[in-house]
């Protein structure tokens, strides 16, 4: 295979990868937005569970209903499990996004490694008015792949800390969730897609 054909092959795989990233980023953003009301619900349930634990029913007009406290707590815990289940479904979507991006990035690197000797170092770092260098684009793809992996893992670990008897964690969940998001990470993807816009439009 000629050097030009090898570069074209890598460029085609790279274009496909950036297309997938653009599509999957929309899914990622929509899914994160869908999580917000669920996180608020968990925070509210945490407050209700804490209030329930503080109230001494024997000292209230409800003392004639000895099982009320247990029933109320049971219903609240059930509600927590239901919301966590829905968040689990959202996490599955985020995992699908992470995997789709990782698979495409891996494909690009496989293509490059297959043709690296033919392309050579000088052609790998060569830029043009329409296309960034192959080396630059590979680095950007690695950064984006790392962003999705880290974001997914941090959110997964955060949800694993949520227990019905840990009121403070539940109540602070929306704020903790938002802290996981990084402005730098969002800008990374937007800026990268902007940098390759001319490359994506070229034939």
Protein backbone atom coordinates (compact mmCIF):
# COMPACT_ATOMS: atom_id res chain seq x y z
CA UNK A 1 0.00 0.00 0.00
CA UNK A 2 1.28 3.47 -0.89
CA UNK A 3 1.83 6.14 1.75
CA UNK A 4 -1.08 8.18 0.40
CA UNK A 5 -3.42 5.19 0.56
CA UNK A 6 -2.29 4.41 4.10
CA UNK A 7 -2.95 8.00 5.23
CA UNK A 8 -6.35 7.92 3.52
CA UNK A 9 -7.24 4.73 5.36
CA UNK A 10 -6.35 6.29 8.72
CA UNK A 11 -8.20 9.49 7.81
CA UNK A 12 -11.35 7.54 6.96
CA UNK A 13 -11.27 5.70 10.28
CA UNK A 14 -10.62 8.98 12.10
CA UNK A 15 -13.55 10.71 10.40
CA UNK A 16 -15.84 7.86 11.32
CA UNK A 17 -14.64 8.09 14.92
CA UNK A 18 -15.31 11.82 15.20
CA UNK A 19 -18.76 11.30 13.68
CA UNK A 20 -19.54 8.73 16.37
CA UNK A 21 -18.20 11.07 19.08
CA UNK A 22 -20.47 13.87 17.87
CA UNK A 23 -23.50 11.57 17.90
CA UNK A 24 -22.68 9.95 21.22
CA UNK A 25 -21.97 13.27 22.94
CA UNK A 26 -25.58 14.29 22.23
CA UNK A 27 -26.79 11.05 23.82
CA UNK A 28 -24.46 11.62 26.78
CA UNK A 29 -25.73 15.17 27.37
CA UNK A 30 -29.39 14.16 27.11
CA UNK A 31 -28.88 11.25 29.50
CA UNK A 32 -27.15 13.45 32.07
CA UNK A 33 -30.06 15.90 31.82
CA UNK A 34 -32.48 13.01 32.42
CA UNK A 35 -30.58 12.14 35.60
CA UNK A 36 -31.14 15.52 37.26
CA UNK A 37 -34.77 15.04 38.38
CA UNK A 38 -33.91 11.54 39.65
CA UNK A 39 -31.04 12.94 41.69
CA UNK A 40 -33.35 15.58 43.15
CA UNK A 41 -35.84 12.85 44.07
CA UNK A 42 -33.14 10.92 45.92
CA UNK A 43 -32.08 14.05 47.75
CA UNK A 44 -35.68 14.64 48.82
CA UNK A 45 -36.09 11.04 49.92
CA UNK A 46 -32.92 11.40 52.00
CA UNK A 47 -34.47 14.36 53.80
CA UNK A 48 -37.69 12.43 54.41
CA UNK A 49 -35.80 9.41 55.77
CA UNK A 50 -33.79 11.64 58.07
CA UNK A 51 -36.95 13.34 59.33
CA UNK A 52 -38.56 9.95 59.87
CA UNK A 53 -35.59 8.80 61.93
CA UNK A 54 -35.77 11.90 64.15
CA UNK A 55 -39.48 11.76 64.92
CA UNK A 56 -40.45 9.80 68.04
CA UNK A 57 -43.91 8.56 67.09
CA UNK A 58 -44.65 7.54 70.67
CA UNK A 59 -44.67 11.20 71.62
CA UNK A 60 -47.12 12.26 68.91
CA UNK A 61 -50.84 11.77 68.22
CA UNK A 62 -49.71 8.92 65.92
CA UNK A 63 -48.69 6.75 68.87
CA UNK A 64 -51.84 4.71 68.37
CA UNK A 65 -50.37 3.37 65.13
CA UNK A 66 -47.29 1.45 66.33
CA UNK A 67 -46.44 0.09 62.86
CA UNK A 68 -46.73 3.43 61.09
CA UNK A 69 -43.06 4.38 61.50
CA UNK A 70 -41.89 1.04 60.13
CA UNK A 71 -44.32 1.18 57.23
CA UNK A 72 -43.36 4.73 56.35
CA UNK A 73 -39.66 3.91 56.40
CA UNK A 74 -40.27 0.81 54.30
CA UNK A 75 -42.13 2.83 51.64
CA UNK A 76 -39.40 5.45 51.56
CA UNK A 77 -36.69 2.80 51.15
CA UNK A 78 -38.72 1.23 48.35
CA UNK A 79 -38.91 4.62 46.66
CA UNK A 80 -35.11 4.99 47.00
CA UNK A 81 -34.57 1.60 45.37
CA UNK A 82 -36.93 2.52 42.53
CA UNK A 83 -35.10 5.77 41.80
CA UNK A 84 -31.71 4.04 42.01
CA UNK A 85 -33.01 1.49 39.52
CA UNK A 86 -33.93 4.26 37.10
CA UNK A 87 -30.51 5.85 37.58
CA UNK A 88 -29.00 2.45 36.89
CA UNK A 89 -30.78 2.45 33.53
CA UNK A 90 -29.31 5.87 32.76
CA UNK A 91 -25.87 4.63 33.75
CA UNK A 92 -26.30 1.77 31.27
CA UNK A 93 -26.85 4.36 28.53
CA UNK A 94 -23.73 6.25 29.62
CA UNK A 95 -21.80 2.99 29.57
CA UNK A 96 -23.01 2.35 26.02
CA UNK A 97 -21.73 5.79 25.01
CA UNK A 98 -18.39 5.13 26.69
CA UNK A 99 -18.04 1.77 24.96
CA UNK A 100 -19.07 3.11 21.54
CA UNK A 101 -16.44 5.85 21.72
CA UNK A 102 -13.75 3.51 23.09
CA UNK A 103 -14.39 0.97 20.35
CA UNK A 104 -14.12 3.59 17.61
CA UNK A 105 -10.95 5.06 19.11
CA UNK A 106 -9.45 1.57 19.30
CA UNK A 107 -10.30 1.04 15.62
CA UNK A 108 -8.46 4.23 14.65
CA UNK A 109 -5.36 3.19 16.59
CA UNK A 110 -5.46 -0.26 15.01
CA UNK A 111 -5.57 1.34 11.57
CA UNK A 112 -2.67 3.62 12.41
CA UNK A 113 -0.54 0.86 13.92
CA UNK A 114 -1.20 -1.28 10.86
CA UNK A 115 0.06 1.46 8.54
CA UNK A 116 2.49 3.34 10.81
CA UNK A 117 5.63 2.10 9.02
CA UNK A 118 4.23 3.04 5.63
CA UNK A 119 3.07 6.48 6.77
CA UNK A 120 6.27 7.33 8.62
CA UNK A 121 6.90 9.89 11.35
CA UNK A 122 7.17 12.99 9.16
CA UNK A 123 3.79 12.37 7.48
CA UNK A 124 2.20 11.60 10.87
CA UNK A 125 3.03 15.06 12.23
CA UNK A 126 2.31 16.93 9.00
CA UNK A 127 -0.59 19.41 9.12
CA UNK A 128 -2.48 21.06 6.28
CA UNK A 129 -5.02 23.87 5.96
CA UNK A 130 -7.82 21.30 5.98
CA UNK A 131 -6.55 18.54 8.22
CA UNK A 132 -4.74 18.43 11.56
CA UNK A 133 -1.85 16.00 11.73
CA UNK A 134 -2.55 12.33 12.34
CA UNK A 135 -0.52 12.57 15.55
CA UNK A 136 -2.64 15.49 16.82
CA UNK A 137 -5.89 13.68 16.10
CA UNK A 138 -4.72 10.49 17.79
CA UNK A 139 -3.83 12.50 20.89
CA UNK A 140 -7.23 14.22 20.90
CA UNK A 141 -9.00 10.88 20.56
CA UNK A 142 -7.05 9.50 23.51
CA UNK A 143 -8.05 12.51 25.62
CA UNK A 144 -11.72 12.14 24.68
CA UNK A 145 -11.70 8.41 25.37
CA UNK A 146 -10.12 9.08 28.79
CA UNK A 147 -12.76 11.74 29.52
CA UNK A 148 -15.67 9.33 28.96
CA UNK A 149 -13.99 6.55 30.92
CA UNK A 150 -13.22 8.78 33.91
CA UNK A 151 -16.62 10.45 33.93
CA UNK A 152 -18.48 7.15 33.81
CA UNK A 153 -16.35 5.58 36.54
CA UNK A 154 -16.70 8.56 38.90
CA UNK A 155 -20.49 8.62 38.50
CA UNK A 156 -20.74 4.87 38.97
CA UNK A 157 -18.67 4.99 42.17
CA UNK A 158 -20.71 7.93 43.44
CA UNK A 159 -23.99 6.05 43.06
CA UNK A 160 -22.50 3.01 44.77
CA UNK A 161 -22.04 5.09 47.94
CA UNK A 162 -25.77 5.79 48.18
CA UNK A 163 -27.42 3.84 51.00
CA UNK A 164 -30.86 4.51 52.54
CA UNK A 165 -29.28 5.00 55.97
CA UNK A 166 -26.70 7.51 54.73
CA UNK A 167 -28.89 10.60 54.75
CA UNK A 168 -26.17 13.19 54.19
CA UNK A 169 -24.85 11.47 51.04
CA UNK A 170 -28.34 11.21 49.58
CA UNK A 171 -29.18 14.83 50.31
CA UNK A 172 -25.91 16.07 48.82
CA UNK A 173 -26.10 13.83 45.74
CA UNK A 174 -27.13 16.52 43.21
CA UNK A 175 -24.18 18.70 44.25
CA UNK A 176 -21.78 15.73 44.29
CA UNK A 177 -22.98 14.69 40.84
CA UNK A 178 -22.42 18.18 39.44
CA UNK A 179 -18.91 18.30 40.87
CA UNK A 180 -18.02 15.24 38.79
CA UNK A 181 -18.71 17.23 35.64
CA UNK A 182 -15.73 19.19 34.41
CA UNK A 183 -15.99 22.29 32.25
CA UNK A 184 -12.58 21.39 30.85
CA UNK A 185 -13.87 18.01 29.70
CA UNK A 186 -16.92 19.46 27.95
CA UNK A 187 -14.75 22.07 26.26
CA UNK A 188 -12.30 19.38 25.20
CA UNK A 189 -14.93 17.62 23.10
CA UNK A 190 -16.47 20.80 21.68
CA UNK A 191 -13.10 22.32 20.86
CA UNK A 192 -11.85 19.10 19.26
CA UNK A 193 -14.93 18.76 17.07
CA UNK A 194 -14.43 22.38 16.04
CA UNK A 195 -10.77 21.75 15.20
CA UNK A 196 -11.67 18.86 12.89
CA UNK A 197 -14.72 20.50 11.26
CA UNK A 198 -12.90 21.34 8.02
CA UNK A 199 -11.30 17.90 8.02
CA UNK A 200 -14.74 16.27 8.43
CA UNK A 201 -16.14 18.23 5.48
CA UNK A 202 -13.23 17.40 3.20
CA UNK A 203 -13.37 14.41 0.85
